[in-house]
Amino acid sequence: MVQKTAYGIALLFLAILTPEDIRERRISVSKLLFFAVTGIGFRLAVSSFSGYEMIGCLITGGFLILLSILTKEEIGFGDGIAVTVLGLWTGGWFTFITVCIALLLSGICGCLFWALHKRETVPFMPFLLIGMEVSLLYA
């Protein structure tokens, strides 16, 4: 029951960020901070949150943040932070699976844009939301 609650809140988190990412191509720091603080509080309240578990939850987002820095934000910094916050709510492996699905879907969309000669940036939050929904159904 506790894990289902965490997944539901994580879906809400992504659903709130998705329209903002589509419209403005940026993510609100205050929303990220709110969900990060409540995610840490939730984890501390429902389980013994060890250091190893914390690292596992944050590693996927940390990798995206590193890619953002290395690509000079071709991959958005906010996307990496959002994935890090998502990891607080869903755990390391679930976040990893969700991000892999989202990267696959966004890559397909990017290839379609490239084939159509559209040079637009592709917001990542919609793909992350879809990736989480697919993960919940099949993982």
N, C-alpha and C. Protein backbone atom coordinates (compact mmCIF):
# COMPACT_ATOMS: atom_id res chain seq x y z
N MET A 1 0.82 -1.20 0.00
CA MET A 1 0.00 0.00 0.00
C MET A 1 0.86 1.26 0.00
N VAL A 2 1.95 1.23 0.78
CA VAL A 2 2.82 2.39 0.87
C VAL A 2 3.48 2.67 -0.48
N GLN A 3 3.93 1.58 -1.15
CA GLN A 3 4.59 1.76 -2.44
C GLN A 3 3.62 2.29 -3.49
N LYS A 4 2.37 1.84 -3.45
CA LYS A 4 1.37 2.34 -4.39
C LYS A 4 1.12 3.83 -4.16
N THR A 5 1.12 4.25 -2.92
CA THR A 5 0.97 5.67 -2.61
C THR A 5 2.13 6.47 -3.18
N ALA A 6 3.34 5.96 -3.02
CA ALA A 6 4.52 6.64 -3.55
C ALA A 6 4.45 6.73 -5.07
N TYR A 7 4.04 5.66 -5.73
CA TYR A 7 3.93 5.68 -7.20
C TYR A 7 2.85 6.67 -7.64
N GLY A 8 1.75 6.72 -6.91
CA GLY A 8 0.69 7.67 -7.24
C GLY A 8 1.15 9.12 -7.12
N ILE A 9 1.90 9.41 -6.07
CA ILE A 9 2.42 10.77 -5.89
C ILE A 9 3.45 11.09 -6.97
N ALA A 10 4.26 10.10 -7.34
CA ALA A 10 5.25 10.30 -8.40
C ALA A 10 4.56 10.58 -9.73
N LEU A 11 3.47 9.87 -10.02
CA LEU A 11 2.71 10.15 -11.24
C LEU A 11 2.13 11.55 -11.21
N LEU A 12 1.62 11.96 -10.07
CA LEU A 12 1.10 13.32 -9.92
C LEU A 12 2.20 14.34 -10.16
N PHE A 13 3.38 14.09 -9.60
CA PHE A 13 4.54 14.95 -9.79
C PHE A 13 4.85 15.13 -11.27
N LEU A 14 4.92 14.03 -12.01
CA LEU A 14 5.22 14.11 -13.44
C LEU A 14 4.08 14.76 -14.23
N ALA A 15 2.85 14.49 -13.82
CA ALA A 15 1.70 15.09 -14.49
C ALA A 15 1.66 16.60 -14.30
N ILE A 16 2.13 17.08 -13.16
CA ILE A 16 2.18 18.52 -12.91
C ILE A 16 3.29 19.18 -13.73
N LEU A 17 4.42 18.50 -13.86
CA LEU A 17 5.56 19.08 -14.58
C LEU A 17 5.43 19.01 -16.10
N THR A 18 4.69 18.03 -16.61
CA THR A 18 4.62 17.82 -18.06
C THR A 18 4.09 19.02 -18.83
N PRO A 19 2.93 19.59 -18.48
CA PRO A 19 2.44 20.73 -19.28
C PRO A 19 3.39 21.93 -19.24
N GLU A 20 4.02 22.14 -18.11
CA GLU A 20 4.98 23.23 -17.96
C GLU A 20 6.20 23.01 -18.87
N ASP A 21 6.67 21.77 -18.93
CA ASP A 21 7.82 21.46 -19.78
C ASP A 21 7.47 21.59 -21.26
N ILE A 22 6.26 21.22 -21.63
CA ILE A 22 5.84 21.34 -23.03
C ILE A 22 5.72 22.81 -23.43
N ARG A 23 5.07 23.61 -22.59
CA ARG A 23 4.83 25.02 -22.92
C ARG A 23 6.09 25.87 -22.84
N GLU A 24 6.81 25.75 -21.74
CA GLU A 24 7.89 26.70 -21.46
C GLU A 24 9.29 26.13 -21.65
N ARG A 25 9.38 24.82 -21.83
CA ARG A 25 10.67 24.13 -21.95
C ARG A 25 11.55 24.35 -20.71
N ARG A 26 10.89 24.49 -19.58
CA ARG A 26 11.59 24.61 -18.30
C ARG A 26 10.70 24.06 -17.20
N ILE A 27 11.31 23.80 -16.06
CA ILE A 27 10.61 23.17 -14.95
C ILE A 27 10.76 24.07 -13.72
N SER A 28 9.70 24.24 -12.99
CA SER A 28 9.67 25.10 -11.81
C SER A 28 10.54 24.53 -10.69
N VAL A 29 11.46 25.36 -10.21
CA VAL A 29 12.33 24.96 -9.11
C VAL A 29 11.52 24.75 -7.84
N SER A 30 10.52 25.58 -7.61
CA SER A 30 9.72 25.45 -6.39
C SER A 30 8.96 24.12 -6.36
N LYS A 31 8.46 23.68 -7.51
CA LYS A 31 7.77 22.39 -7.56
C LYS A 31 8.74 21.24 -7.33
N LEU A 32 9.91 21.33 -7.93
CA LEU A 32 10.93 20.31 -7.72
C LEU A 32 11.33 20.23 -6.25
N LEU A 33 11.54 21.40 -5.66
CA LEU A 33 11.93 21.45 -4.25
C LEU A 33 10.85 20.89 -3.35
N PHE A 34 9.60 21.24 -3.61
CA PHE A 34 8.49 20.74 -2.80
C PHE A 34 8.44 19.21 -2.84
N PHE A 35 8.49 18.64 -4.05
CA PHE A 35 8.40 17.19 -4.16
C PHE A 35 9.65 16.49 -3.63
N ALA A 36 10.81 17.15 -3.71
CA ALA A 36 12.04 16.57 -3.15
C ALA A 36 11.95 16.50 -1.62
N VAL A 37 11.54 17.59 -1.01
CA VAL A 37 11.45 17.62 0.46
C VAL A 37 10.38 16.64 0.95
N THR A 38 9.23 16.63 0.30
CA THR A 38 8.18 15.70 0.73
C THR A 38 8.59 14.25 0.45
N GLY A 39 9.35 14.02 -0.62
CA GLY A 39 9.83 12.67 -0.92
C GLY A 39 10.78 12.15 0.13
N ILE A 40 11.70 13.00 0.57
CA ILE A 40 12.62 12.61 1.64
C ILE A 40 11.84 12.36 2.93
N GLY A 41 10.91 13.26 3.24
CA GLY A 41 10.08 13.07 4.44
C GLY A 41 9.26 11.79 4.38
N PHE A 42 8.70 11.50 3.22
CA PHE A 42 7.92 10.29 3.03
C PHE A 42 8.78 9.05 3.26
N ARG A 43 9.95 9.03 2.66
CA ARG A 43 10.86 7.88 2.81
C ARG A 43 11.28 7.70 4.26
N LEU A 44 11.59 8.78 4.93
CA LEU A 44 12.00 8.69 6.33
C LEU A 44 10.85 8.23 7.22
N ALA A 45 9.63 8.61 6.87
CA ALA A 45 8.47 8.26 7.69
C ALA A 45 8.05 6.80 7.52
N VAL A 46 8.23 6.24 6.34
CA VAL A 46 7.69 4.90 6.09
C VAL A 46 8.73 3.78 6.17
N SER A 47 10.00 4.12 6.13
CA SER A 47 11.00 3.05 6.16
C SER A 47 12.31 3.55 6.75
N SER A 48 13.17 2.60 7.03
CA SER A 48 14.52 2.98 7.42
C SER A 48 15.29 3.24 6.14
N PHE A 49 15.59 4.45 5.90
CA PHE A 49 16.18 4.88 4.63
C PHE A 49 17.69 4.90 4.79
N SER A 50 18.35 3.85 4.34
CA SER A 50 19.80 3.74 4.50
C SER A 50 20.53 4.60 3.47
N GLY A 51 21.80 4.82 3.71
CA GLY A 51 22.62 5.59 2.78
C GLY A 51 22.74 4.92 1.42
N TYR A 52 22.86 3.59 1.42
CA TYR A 52 22.96 2.86 0.15
C TYR A 52 21.67 2.98 -0.66
N GLU A 53 20.54 2.91 0.04
CA GLU A 53 19.26 3.05 -0.64
C GLU A 53 19.11 4.46 -1.22
N MET A 54 19.57 5.46 -0.48
CA MET A 54 19.51 6.85 -0.95
C MET A 54 20.35 7.02 -2.22
N ILE A 55 21.55 6.45 -2.23
CA ILE A 55 22.41 6.53 -3.41
C ILE A 55 21.74 5.85 -4.60
N GLY A 56 21.13 4.69 -4.36
CA GLY A 56 20.43 3.99 -5.43
C GLY A 56 19.29 4.79 -6.01
N CYS A 57 18.59 5.52 -5.16
CA CYS A 57 17.47 6.34 -5.63
C CYS A 57 17.94 7.53 -6.45
N LEU A 58 19.11 8.04 -6.17
CA LEU A 58 19.59 9.27 -6.79
C LEU A 58 20.52 9.07 -7.98
N ILE A 59 21.01 7.86 -8.19
CA ILE A 59 22.06 7.65 -9.18
C ILE A 59 21.59 7.89 -10.62
N THR A 60 20.39 7.49 -10.98
CA THR A 60 19.90 7.69 -12.34
C THR A 60 19.77 9.18 -12.65
N GLY A 61 19.20 9.94 -11.73
CA GLY A 61 19.09 11.38 -11.92
C GLY A 61 20.45 12.05 -11.95
N GLY A 62 21.36 11.57 -11.10
CA GLY A 62 22.72 12.11 -11.10
C GLY A 62 23.41 11.88 -12.43
N PHE A 63 23.18 10.74 -13.03
CA PHE A 63 23.74 10.46 -14.36
C PHE A 63 23.19 11.43 -15.40
N LEU A 64 21.90 11.70 -15.36
CA LEU A 64 21.32 12.67 -16.31
C LEU A 64 21.84 14.08 -16.06
N ILE A 65 22.06 14.45 -14.81
CA ILE A 65 22.64 15.75 -14.50
C ILE A 65 24.05 15.84 -15.07
N LEU A 66 24.82 14.78 -14.93
CA LEU A 66 26.17 14.74 -15.50
C LEU A 66 26.12 14.86 -17.02
N LEU A 67 25.19 14.15 -17.66
CA LEU A 67 25.04 14.28 -19.12
C LEU A 67 24.63 15.70 -19.52
N SER A 68 23.82 16.32 -18.71
CA SER A 68 23.41 17.70 -18.98
C SER A 68 24.62 18.63 -18.97
N ILE A 69 25.48 18.45 -18.00
CA ILE A 69 26.68 19.28 -17.91
C ILE A 69 27.61 19.00 -19.08
N LEU A 70 27.81 17.72 -19.42
CA LEU A 70 28.72 17.36 -20.51
C LEU A 70 28.21 17.79 -21.88
N THR A 71 26.89 17.82 -22.07
CA THR A 71 26.32 18.22 -23.37
C THR A 71 25.94 19.70 -23.42
N LYS A 72 26.36 20.45 -22.42
CA LYS A 72 26.02 21.88 -22.33
C LYS A 72 24.51 22.09 -22.43
N GLU A 73 23.79 21.29 -21.68
CA GLU A 73 22.34 21.32 -21.52
C GLU A 73 21.56 20.98 -22.78
N GLU A 74 22.11 20.14 -23.65
CA GLU A 74 21.30 19.55 -24.71
C GLU A 74 20.26 18.64 -24.07
N ILE A 75 20.68 17.98 -23.01
CA ILE A 75 19.76 17.28 -22.12
C ILE A 75 19.57 18.23 -20.95
N GLY A 76 18.34 18.59 -20.66
CA GLY A 76 18.08 19.63 -19.68
C GLY A 76 18.52 19.27 -18.26
N PHE A 77 19.09 20.23 -17.59
CA PHE A 77 19.50 20.08 -16.20
C PHE A 77 18.30 19.80 -15.31
N GLY A 78 17.19 20.48 -15.59
CA GLY A 78 15.96 20.27 -14.82
C GLY A 78 15.41 18.87 -14.97
N ASP A 79 15.62 18.27 -16.15
CA ASP A 79 15.18 16.89 -16.35
C ASP A 79 15.94 15.95 -15.42
N GLY A 80 17.24 16.19 -15.28
CA GLY A 80 18.04 15.37 -14.37
C GLY A 80 17.61 15.52 -12.93
N ILE A 81 17.30 16.75 -12.55
CA ILE A 81 16.84 16.99 -11.18
C ILE A 81 15.48 16.33 -10.96
N ALA A 82 14.60 16.43 -11.96
CA ALA A 82 13.28 15.80 -11.84
C ALA A 82 13.41 14.28 -11.71
N VAL A 83 14.33 13.68 -12.44
CA VAL A 83 14.54 12.23 -12.33
C VAL A 83 15.11 11.89 -10.96
N THR A 84 15.96 12.74 -10.42
CA THR A 84 16.49 12.52 -9.08
C THR A 84 15.36 12.55 -8.05
N VAL A 85 14.46 13.51 -8.17
CA VAL A 85 13.31 13.59 -7.26
C VAL A 85 12.40 12.38 -7.46
N LEU A 86 12.21 11.98 -8.71
CA LEU A 86 11.40 10.79 -8.99
C LEU A 86 11.99 9.56 -8.28
N GLY A 87 13.30 9.47 -8.27
CA GLY A 87 13.96 8.36 -7.59
C GLY A 87 13.68 8.32 -6.10
N LEU A 88 13.51 9.48 -5.49
CA LEU A 88 13.16 9.52 -4.06
C LEU A 88 11.82 8.86 -3.81
N TRP A 89 10.90 9.02 -4.74
CA TRP A 89 9.56 8.49 -4.57
C TRP A 89 9.44 7.03 -4.99
N THR A 90 10.13 6.63 -6.05
CA THR A 90 9.90 5.30 -6.63
C THR A 90 11.02 4.30 -6.39
N GLY A 91 12.19 4.75 -6.00
CA GLY A 91 13.31 3.84 -5.80
C GLY A 91 14.20 3.78 -7.02
N GLY A 92 15.38 3.23 -6.83
CA GLY A 92 16.40 3.25 -7.86
C GLY A 92 16.09 2.44 -9.11
N TRP A 93 15.72 1.16 -8.94
CA TRP A 93 15.49 0.32 -10.11
C TRP A 93 14.27 0.76 -10.91
N PHE A 94 13.22 1.11 -10.23
CA PHE A 94 12.01 1.54 -10.94
C PHE A 94 12.29 2.82 -11.72
N THR A 95 13.04 3.72 -11.14
CA THR A 95 13.39 4.97 -11.83
C THR A 95 14.26 4.66 -13.05
N PHE A 96 15.21 3.76 -12.89
CA PHE A 96 16.07 3.38 -14.01
C PHE A 96 15.26 2.81 -15.17
N ILE A 97 14.34 1.91 -14.88
CA ILE A 97 13.49 1.33 -15.93
C ILE A 97 12.64 2.41 -16.59
N THR A 98 12.07 3.30 -15.78
CA THR A 98 11.24 4.39 -16.31
C THR A 98 12.05 5.29 -17.23
N VAL A 99 13.26 5.65 -16.83
CA VAL A 99 14.10 6.53 -17.64
C VAL A 99 14.53 5.83 -18.94
N CYS A 100 14.82 4.55 -18.87
CA CYS A 100 15.18 3.82 -20.09
C CYS A 100 14.03 3.83 -21.10
N ILE A 101 12.83 3.60 -20.64
CA ILE A 101 11.66 3.64 -21.52
C ILE A 101 11.48 5.06 -22.08
N ALA A 102 11.61 6.06 -21.22
CA ALA A 102 11.45 7.46 -21.65
C ALA A 102 12.51 7.85 -22.67
N LEU A 103 13.75 7.41 -22.47
CA LEU A 103 14.82 7.71 -23.43
C LEU A 103 14.55 7.05 -24.77
N LEU A 104 14.07 5.82 -24.74
CA LEU A 104 13.74 5.13 -25.98
C LEU A 104 12.64 5.87 -26.74
N LEU A 105 11.58 6.24 -26.04
CA LEU A 105 10.47 6.94 -26.69
C LEU A 105 10.87 8.32 -27.19
N SER A 106 11.63 9.06 -26.39
CA SER A 106 12.06 10.40 -26.83
C SER A 106 13.05 10.29 -27.98
N GLY A 107 13.85 9.23 -28.00
CA GLY A 107 14.77 9.01 -29.12
C GLY A 107 14.02 8.74 -30.42
N ILE A 108 12.96 7.96 -30.34
CA ILE A 108 12.12 7.71 -31.52
C ILE A 108 11.50 9.01 -32.01
N CYS A 109 10.99 9.80 -31.08
CA CYS A 109 10.40 11.10 -31.45
C CYS A 109 11.45 12.02 -32.05
N GLY A 110 12.64 12.05 -31.46
CA GLY A 110 13.73 12.87 -32.01
C GLY A 110 14.12 12.44 -33.41
N CYS A 111 14.14 11.15 -33.67
CA CYS A 111 14.46 10.65 -35.01
C CYS A 111 13.38 11.05 -36.02
N LEU A 112 12.13 11.02 -35.58
CA LEU A 112 11.04 11.46 -36.46
C LEU A 112 11.17 12.95 -36.78
N PHE A 113 11.47 13.75 -35.76
CA PHE A 113 11.68 15.19 -35.99
C PHE A 113 12.84 15.41 -36.94
N TRP A 114 13.91 14.65 -36.76
CA TRP A 114 15.09 14.79 -37.62
C TRP A 114 14.74 14.41 -39.06
N ALA A 115 13.97 13.34 -39.25
CA ALA A 115 13.57 12.91 -40.59
C ALA A 115 12.67 13.94 -41.26
N LEU A 116 11.89 14.64 -40.46
CA LEU A 116 10.99 15.67 -41.00
C LEU A 116 11.66 17.04 -41.08
N HIS A 117 12.95 17.09 -40.78
CA HIS A 117 13.76 18.32 -40.83
C HIS A 117 13.23 19.40 -39.88
N LYS A 118 12.70 18.98 -38.75
CA LYS A 118 12.27 19.92 -37.71
C LYS A 118 13.38 20.00 -36.68
N ARG A 119 13.87 21.17 -36.45
CA ARG A 119 14.96 21.37 -35.49
C ARG A 119 14.41 21.96 -34.20
N GLU A 120 13.58 21.19 -33.53
CA GLU A 120 12.97 21.62 -32.28
C GLU A 120 13.53 20.80 -31.13
N THR A 121 13.55 21.42 -29.96
CA THR A 121 13.90 20.64 -28.78
C THR A 121 12.69 19.81 -28.38
N VAL A 122 12.94 18.67 -27.82
CA VAL A 122 11.88 17.77 -27.42
C VAL A 122 11.80 17.77 -25.90
N PRO A 123 10.67 18.16 -25.33
CA PRO A 123 10.55 18.12 -23.87
C PRO A 123 10.57 16.68 -23.37
N PHE A 124 11.24 16.46 -22.25
CA PHE A 124 11.44 15.10 -21.75
C PHE A 124 10.36 14.65 -20.78
N MET A 125 9.72 15.56 -20.08
CA MET A 125 8.74 15.18 -19.07
C MET A 125 7.58 14.35 -19.63
N PRO A 126 7.03 14.67 -20.81
CA PRO A 126 5.95 13.81 -21.31
C PRO A 126 6.39 12.36 -21.50
N PHE A 127 7.62 12.18 -21.96
CA PHE A 127 8.13 10.83 -22.17
C PHE A 127 8.40 10.14 -20.83
N LEU A 128 8.81 10.90 -19.85
CA LEU A 128 9.03 10.35 -18.53
C LEU A 128 7.69 9.91 -17.91
N LEU A 129 6.66 10.70 -18.12
CA LEU A 129 5.33 10.35 -17.63
C LEU A 129 4.83 9.06 -18.31
N ILE A 130 4.98 8.99 -19.62
CA ILE A 130 4.57 7.79 -20.35
C ILE A 130 5.42 6.60 -19.91
N GLY A 131 6.73 6.83 -19.74
CA GLY A 131 7.61 5.76 -19.30
C GLY A 131 7.22 5.21 -17.94
N MET A 132 6.80 6.08 -17.05
CA MET A 132 6.38 5.61 -15.74
C MET A 132 5.09 4.82 -15.83
N GLU A 133 4.17 5.28 -16.67
CA GLU A 133 2.92 4.56 -16.84
C GLU A 133 3.17 3.16 -17.42
N VAL A 134 4.05 3.08 -18.41
CA VAL A 134 4.40 1.78 -18.99
C VAL A 134 5.08 0.90 -17.93
N SER A 135 5.96 1.48 -17.15
CA SER A 135 6.65 0.73 -16.10
C SER A 135 5.65 0.18 -15.08
N LEU A 136 4.67 0.98 -14.72
CA LEU A 136 3.68 0.52 -13.76
C LEU A 136 2.83 -0.63 -14.32
N LEU A 137 2.60 -0.60 -15.62
CA LEU A 137 1.80 -1.66 -16.23
C LEU A 137 2.58 -2.95 -16.43
N TYR A 138 3.86 -2.84 -16.75
CA TYR A 138 4.60 -4.03 -17.16
C TYR A 138 5.78 -4.41 -16.28
N ALA A 139 6.25 -3.53 -15.42
CA ALA A 139 7.43 -3.88 -14.62
C ALA A 139 7.04 -4.37 -13.24
